C-alpha atoms as a PDB file:
ATOM      1  CA  MET A   1      77.640 -38.638  67.072  1.00  0.00           C
ATOM      2  CA  ILE A   2      74.039 -38.228  67.022  1.00  0.00           C
ATOM      3  CA  ASP A   3      71.615 -40.173  64.790  1.00  0.00           C
ATOM      4  CA  TYR A   4      69.803 -37.655  62.504  1.00  0.00           C
ATOM      5  CA  LYS A   5      66.736 -40.152  62.527  1.00  0.00           C
ATOM      6  CA  GLU A   6      66.168 -39.090  66.130  1.00  0.00           C
ATOM      7  CA  ILE A   7      65.597 -35.441  65.148  1.00  0.00           C
ATOM      8  CA  ILE A   8      63.210 -36.574  62.321  1.00  0.00           C
ATOM      9  CA  LYS A   9      61.367 -38.877  64.778  1.00  0.00           C
ATOM     10  CA  LYS A  10      60.829 -36.114  67.234  1.00  0.00           C
ATOM     11  CA  ILE A  11      58.601 -34.182  64.758  1.00  0.00           C
ATOM     12  CA  ILE A  12      56.419 -37.078  63.701  1.00  0.00           C
ATOM     13  CA  PRO A  13      53.987 -36.693  66.664  1.00  0.00           C
ATOM     14  CA  GLU A  14      53.705 -33.062  66.024  1.00  0.00           C
ATOM     15  CA  LEU A  15      52.935 -33.860  62.260  1.00  0.00           C
ATOM     16  CA  ASP A  16      50.319 -36.411  63.394  1.00  0.00           C
ATOM     17  CA  LYS A  17      48.714 -33.778  65.595  1.00  0.00           C
ATOM     18  CA  VAL A  18      48.469 -31.356  62.542  1.00  0.00           C
ATOM     19  CA  VAL A  19      46.667 -34.179  60.512  1.00  0.00           C
ATOM     20  CA  SER A  20      44.197 -34.839  63.424  1.00  0.00           C
ATOM     21  CA  PHE A  21      43.482 -31.177  63.994  1.00  0.00           C
ATOM     22  CA  PHE A  22      42.958 -30.652  60.328  1.00  0.00           C
ATOM     23  CA  GLU A  23      40.578 -33.801  60.105  1.00  0.00           C
ATOM     24  CA  LYS A  24      38.719 -32.236  63.275  1.00  0.00           C
ATOM     25  CA  GLU A  25      38.411 -28.956  61.349  1.00  0.00           C
ATOM     26  CA  LEU A  26      36.854 -30.483  58.319  1.00  0.00           C
ATOM     27  CA  LEU A  27      34.347 -32.387  60.312  1.00  0.00           C
ATOM     28  CA  LYS A  28      32.880 -28.806  61.213  1.00  0.00           C
ATOM     29  CA  ILE A  29      32.312 -28.045  57.693  1.00  0.00           C
ATOM     30  CA  ARG A  30      28.871 -29.023  56.571  1.00  0.00           C
ATOM     31  CA  THR A  31      28.379 -31.278  53.557  1.00  0.00           C
ATOM     32  CA  GLY A  32      25.029 -32.828  52.684  1.00  0.00           C
ATOM     33  CA  ARG A  33      25.141 -35.191  55.557  1.00  0.00           C
ATOM     34  CA  ILE A  34      25.122 -33.439  58.997  1.00  0.00           C
ATOM     35  CA  SER A  35      27.045 -34.439  61.942  1.00  0.00           C
ATOM     36  CA  PRO A  36      27.003 -33.736  65.662  1.00  0.00           C
ATOM     37  CA  ALA A  37      30.558 -32.287  65.000  1.00  0.00           C
ATOM     38  CA  LEU A  38      28.771 -29.346  63.197  1.00  0.00           C
ATOM     39  CA  ILE A  39      27.605 -27.781  66.450  1.00  0.00           C
ATOM     40  CA  GLU A  40      29.328 -29.569  69.318  1.00  0.00           C
ATOM     41  CA  ASP A  41      32.004 -26.894  69.787  1.00  0.00           C
ATOM     42  CA  ILE A  42      29.596 -23.984  69.629  1.00  0.00           C
ATOM     43  CA  SER A  43      30.298 -21.732  72.684  1.00  0.00           C
ATOM     44  CA  VAL A  44      27.191 -21.441  75.104  1.00  0.00           C
ATOM     45  CA  GLU A  45      27.237 -18.906  77.778  1.00  0.00           C
ATOM     46  CA  CYS A  46      25.807 -20.352  80.857  1.00  0.00           C
ATOM     47  CA  PHE A  47      26.076 -19.209  84.630  1.00  0.00           C
ATOM     48  CA  GLY A  48      28.547 -16.517  83.543  1.00  0.00           C
ATOM     49  CA  GLN A  49      30.868 -18.835  81.797  1.00  0.00           C
ATOM     50  CA  LYS A  50      31.343 -20.229  78.343  1.00  0.00           C
ATOM     51  CA  PHE A  51      30.994 -23.975  77.586  1.00  0.00           C
ATOM     52  CA  PRO A  52      31.150 -26.033  74.450  1.00  0.00           C
ATOM     53  CA  LEU A  53      27.901 -27.318  73.634  1.00  0.00           C
ATOM     54  CA  LYS A  54      29.001 -30.841  74.025  1.00  0.00           C
ATOM     55  CA  GLN A  55      29.556 -30.323  77.670  1.00  0.00           C
ATOM     56  CA  LEU A  56      25.910 -29.248  78.291  1.00  0.00           C
ATOM     57  CA  ALA A  57      23.971 -31.563  76.184  1.00  0.00           C
ATOM     58  CA  SER A  58      23.883 -34.632  74.060  1.00  0.00           C
ATOM     59  CA  ILE A  59      23.616 -34.258  70.331  1.00  0.00           C
ATOM     60  CA  SER A  60      22.111 -36.889  68.084  1.00  0.00           C
ATOM     61  CA  ILE A  61      20.979 -37.003  64.432  1.00  0.00           C
ATOM     62  CA  LEU A  62      17.333 -37.202  63.898  1.00  0.00           C
ATOM     63  CA  ASP A  63      17.440 -37.681  60.203  1.00  0.00           C
ATOM     64  CA  PRO A  64      19.565 -36.622  57.285  1.00  0.00           C
ATOM     65  CA  LYS A  65      19.001 -32.885  57.639  1.00  0.00           C
ATOM     66  CA  GLN A  66      18.109 -32.582  61.549  1.00  0.00           C
ATOM     67  CA  LEU A  67      19.999 -32.663  64.779  1.00  0.00           C
ATOM     68  CA  VAL A  68      18.434 -32.847  68.319  1.00  0.00           C
ATOM     69  CA  ILE A  69      20.171 -31.337  71.325  1.00  0.00           C
ATOM     70  CA  SER A  70      19.143 -32.830  74.556  1.00  0.00           C
ATOM     71  CA  PRO A  71      20.319 -30.631  77.336  1.00  0.00           C
ATOM     72  CA  TRP A  72      21.484 -32.404  80.634  1.00  0.00           C
ATOM     73  CA  ASP A  73      19.449 -29.676  82.449  1.00  0.00           C
ATOM     74  CA  LYS A  74      16.320 -27.814  81.370  1.00  0.00           C
ATOM     75  CA  SER A  75      17.898 -24.523  82.423  1.00  0.00           C
ATOM     76  CA  TYR A  76      20.309 -24.901  79.737  1.00  0.00           C
ATOM     77  CA  ILE A  77      17.689 -24.876  76.941  1.00  0.00           C
ATOM     78  CA  GLU A  78      17.639 -21.076  76.442  1.00  0.00           C
ATOM     79  CA  PRO A  79      21.237 -20.283  76.489  1.00  0.00           C
ATOM     80  CA  ILE A  80      21.969 -23.182  74.110  1.00  0.00           C
ATOM     81  CA  GLU A  81      19.143 -21.910  71.646  1.00  0.00           C
ATOM     82  CA  LYS A  82      20.705 -18.535  71.828  1.00  0.00           C
ATOM     83  CA  ALA A  83      24.055 -19.684  71.066  1.00  0.00           C
ATOM     84  CA  VAL A  84      22.873 -21.885  68.221  1.00  0.00           C
ATOM     85  CA  PHE A  85      20.885 -18.964  66.785  1.00  0.00           C
ATOM     86  CA  SER A  86      23.846 -16.684  66.881  1.00  0.00           C
ATOM     87  CA  SER A  87      26.159 -19.112  65.489  1.00  0.00           C
ATOM     88  CA  ASN A  88      27.051 -18.713  61.806  1.00  0.00           C
ATOM     89  CA  LEU A  89      25.250 -21.905  60.753  1.00  0.00           C
ATOM     90  CA  GLY A  90      22.342 -19.956  59.326  1.00  0.00           C
ATOM     91  CA  VAL A  91      19.841 -22.352  61.070  1.00  0.00           C
ATOM     92  CA  SER A  92      16.972 -21.532  63.433  1.00  0.00           C
ATOM     93  CA  PRO A  93      16.753 -23.809  66.550  1.00  0.00           C
ATOM     94  CA  ILE A  94      13.274 -25.052  67.477  1.00  0.00           C
ATOM     95  CA  VAL A  95      12.516 -25.795  71.315  1.00  0.00           C
ATOM     96  CA  GLU A  96      10.455 -28.709  71.863  1.00  0.00           C
ATOM     97  CA  LYS A  97       9.736 -29.538  75.539  1.00  0.00           C
ATOM     98  CA  ASP A  98      13.087 -30.864  76.946  1.00  0.00           C
ATOM     99  CA  SER A  99      14.982 -30.726  73.534  1.00  0.00           C
ATOM    100  CA  ILE A 100      16.097 -28.295  70.592  1.00  0.00           C
ATOM    101  CA  ARG A 101      15.743 -29.379  67.094  1.00  0.00           C
ATOM    102  CA  ILE A 102      17.830 -27.914  64.446  1.00  0.00           C
ATOM    103  CA  SER A 103      16.904 -28.464  60.862  1.00  0.00           C
ATOM    104  CA  PHE A 104      19.639 -27.837  58.120  1.00  0.00           C
ATOM    105  CA  PRO A 105      18.366 -26.294  54.727  1.00  0.00           C
ATOM    106  CA  PRO A 106      19.870 -27.840  51.603  1.00  0.00           C
ATOM    107  CA  ILE A 107      23.302 -26.281  50.588  1.00  0.00           C
ATOM    108  CA  SER A 108      23.277 -23.596  47.960  1.00  0.00           C
ATOM    109  CA  GLU A 109      25.780 -23.195  45.439  1.00  0.00           C
ATOM    110  CA  GLU A 110      27.038 -20.226  47.236  1.00  0.00           C
ATOM    111  CA  TYR A 111      27.429 -21.985  50.273  1.00  0.00           C
ATOM    112  CA  LYS A 112      29.417 -24.672  48.443  1.00  0.00           C
ATOM    113  CA  LYS A 113      31.818 -22.187  47.150  1.00  0.00           C
ATOM    114  CA  ASN A 114      32.330 -20.669  50.418  1.00  0.00           C
ATOM    115  CA  PHE A 115      32.875 -24.080  51.990  1.00  0.00           C
ATOM    116  CA  LEU A 116      35.311 -24.896  49.334  1.00  0.00           C
ATOM    117  CA  LEU A 117      37.191 -21.694  49.958  1.00  0.00           C
ATOM    118  CA  ILE A 118      37.307 -22.357  53.816  1.00  0.00           C
ATOM    119  CA  ILE A 119      38.715 -25.911  53.208  1.00  0.00           C
ATOM    120  CA  SER A 120      41.496 -24.309  51.036  1.00  0.00           C
ATOM    121  CA  GLU A 121      42.378 -21.997  53.730  1.00  0.00           C
ATOM    122  CA  LYS A 122      42.381 -24.537  56.298  1.00  0.00           C
ATOM    123  CA  GLN A 123      44.460 -26.774  54.059  1.00  0.00           C
ATOM    124  CA  GLU A 124      47.128 -24.029  53.658  1.00  0.00           C
ATOM    125  CA  GLU A 125      47.236 -23.606  57.426  1.00  0.00           C
ATOM    126  CA  ALA A 126      47.890 -27.336  57.825  1.00  0.00           C
ATOM    127  CA  ASN A 127      50.624 -27.381  55.061  1.00  0.00           C
ATOM    128  CA  LYS A 128      52.234 -24.020  56.796  1.00  0.00           C
ATOM    129  CA  THR A 129      52.428 -25.914  60.090  1.00  0.00           C
ATOM    130  CA  ILE A 130      53.983 -28.935  58.404  1.00  0.00           C
ATOM    131  CA  ARG A 131      56.474 -26.709  56.755  1.00  0.00           C
ATOM    132  CA  LYS A 132      57.301 -25.139  60.103  1.00  0.00           C
ATOM    133  CA  TRP A 133      58.169 -28.515  61.671  1.00  0.00           C
ATOM    134  CA  ARG A 134      60.207 -29.505  58.547  1.00  0.00           C
ATOM    135  CA  GLU A 135      62.255 -26.220  58.969  1.00  0.00           C
ATOM    136  CA  LYS A 136      62.592 -26.852  62.597  1.00  0.00           C
ATOM    137  CA  ALA A 137      64.097 -30.307  62.147  1.00  0.00           C
ATOM    138  CA  TRP A 138      66.119 -29.135  59.070  1.00  0.00           C
ATOM    139  CA  GLU A 139      67.748 -26.332  61.219  1.00  0.00           C
ATOM    140  CA  GLU A 140      68.576 -28.811  64.014  1.00  0.00           C
ATOM    141  CA  ILE A 141      69.993 -31.133  61.706  1.00  0.00           C
ATOM    142  CA  GLN A 142      72.276 -28.335  60.129  1.00  0.00           C
ATOM    143  CA  GLU A 143      73.225 -27.068  63.534  1.00  0.00           C
ATOM    144  CA  ARG A 144      74.247 -30.575  64.679  1.00  0.00           C
ATOM    145  CA  THR A 145      76.275 -30.982  61.573  1.00  0.00           C
ATOM    146  CA  LYS A 146      78.235 -27.655  62.038  1.00  0.00           C
ATOM    147  CA  GLU A 147      79.052 -28.963  65.623  1.00  0.00           C
ATOM    148  CA  GLY A 148      80.175 -32.088  64.233  1.00  0.00           C
ATOM    149  CA  GLU A 149      77.488 -34.258  65.901  1.00  0.00           C
ATOM    150  CA  ILE A 150      76.210 -35.417  62.499  1.00  0.00           C
ATOM    151  CA  LYS A 151      78.376 -36.447  59.492  1.00  0.00           C
ATOM    152  CA  GLU A 152      78.108 -34.150  56.314  1.00  0.00           C
ATOM    153  CA  ASP A 153      76.974 -37.283  54.231  1.00  0.00           C
ATOM    154  CA  ASP A 154      74.193 -38.033  56.922  1.00  0.00           C
ATOM    155  CA  LYS A 155      73.056 -34.471  56.508  1.00  0.00           C
ATOM    156  CA  TYR A 156      72.015 -35.028  53.039  1.00  0.00           C
ATOM    157  CA  ARG A 157      70.298 -38.369  53.645  1.00  0.00           C
ATOM    158  CA  ALA A 158      68.613 -36.804  56.453  1.00  0.00           C
ATOM    159  CA  LYS A 159      67.191 -33.865  54.144  1.00  0.00           C
ATOM    160  CA  GLU A 160      66.035 -36.536  51.762  1.00  0.00           C
ATOM    161  CA  GLU A 161      64.340 -38.767  54.557  1.00  0.00           C
ATOM    162  CA  LEU A 162      62.803 -35.495  56.070  1.00  0.00           C
ATOM    163  CA  GLN A 163      61.294 -34.301  52.914  1.00  0.00           C
ATOM    164  CA  GLU A 164      59.920 -38.029  52.157  1.00  0.00           C
ATOM    165  CA  ILE A 165      58.020 -37.693  55.513  1.00  0.00           C
ATOM    166  CA  ILE A 166      56.832 -34.277  54.798  1.00  0.00           C
ATOM    167  CA  ASP A 167      55.520 -35.184  51.528  1.00  0.00           C
ATOM    168  CA  GLU A 168      53.766 -38.029  52.982  1.00  0.00           C
ATOM    169  CA  TYR A 169      51.958 -35.732  55.417  1.00  0.00           C
ATOM    170  CA  ASN A 170      51.198 -33.254  52.820  1.00  0.00           C
ATOM    171  CA  LYS A 171      49.621 -36.106  50.802  1.00  0.00           C
ATOM    172  CA  LYS A 172      47.401 -36.827  53.819  1.00  0.00           C
ATOM    173  CA  ILE A 173      46.225 -33.366  54.156  1.00  0.00           C
ATOM    174  CA  LYS A 174      45.419 -33.205  50.338  1.00  0.00           C
ATOM    175  CA  GLU A 175      43.664 -36.466  50.484  1.00  0.00           C
ATOM    176  CA  LEU A 176      41.398 -35.280  53.431  1.00  0.00           C
ATOM    177  CA  SER A 177      40.815 -32.155  51.747  1.00  0.00           C
ATOM    178  CA  ASP A 178      39.993 -33.795  48.344  1.00  0.00           C
ATOM    179  CA  LYS A 179      37.514 -36.086  50.116  1.00  0.00           C
ATOM    180  CA  LYS A 180      35.751 -33.276  51.793  1.00  0.00           C
ATOM    181  CA  ARG A 181      35.511 -31.345  48.673  1.00  0.00           C
ATOM    182  CA  LYS A 182      33.788 -34.192  46.926  1.00  0.00           C
ATOM    183  CA  GLU A 183      31.537 -34.676  49.530  1.00  0.00           C
ATOM    184  CA  ILE A 184      30.337 -31.176  49.284  1.00  0.00           C
ATOM    185  CA  MET A 185      30.268 -31.082  45.425  1.00  0.00           C
ATOM    186  CA  ASP A 186      28.208 -34.346  45.471  1.00  0.00           C
ATOM    187  CA  ASN A 187      25.366 -32.820  47.597  1.00  0.00           C
END
């Protein structure tokens, strides 16, 4: 006999990854407060290769509306400036000696609506992935029941416990999403 709890336990690290990934994706969405996470993954072409910005420079917050990029090497300044300019952030980088300053304009109502739409899309993606893991675990539980490795009574207990865990993770995704929506609307 196999304990169905082992099957459920196997998907928990995967569900944690979904929540963690969703959280990181939300950090990339600008609210009134800026964060280095907004630009750290911008792809910069340097020496014929592409690097995330965070591998080529340090990024710090100058004030609530400005970031400063300090490249590790002066030769990175031009490719970084080009990458930031061509990103879809709608900002113009300003080169100052050995650094690049980025000023973020106030968020318009149109941007807010766009960001809320992006959050909804990312939330749906996260929920789909969680559903996929639920289905995978449920299929394994049903298969093991057919093979006689899990009792019929345990199958229904497993279904309830699995759904409770899935509900808990969907709730985490919703809470993160609601918090980000509130940040956007409050600015």
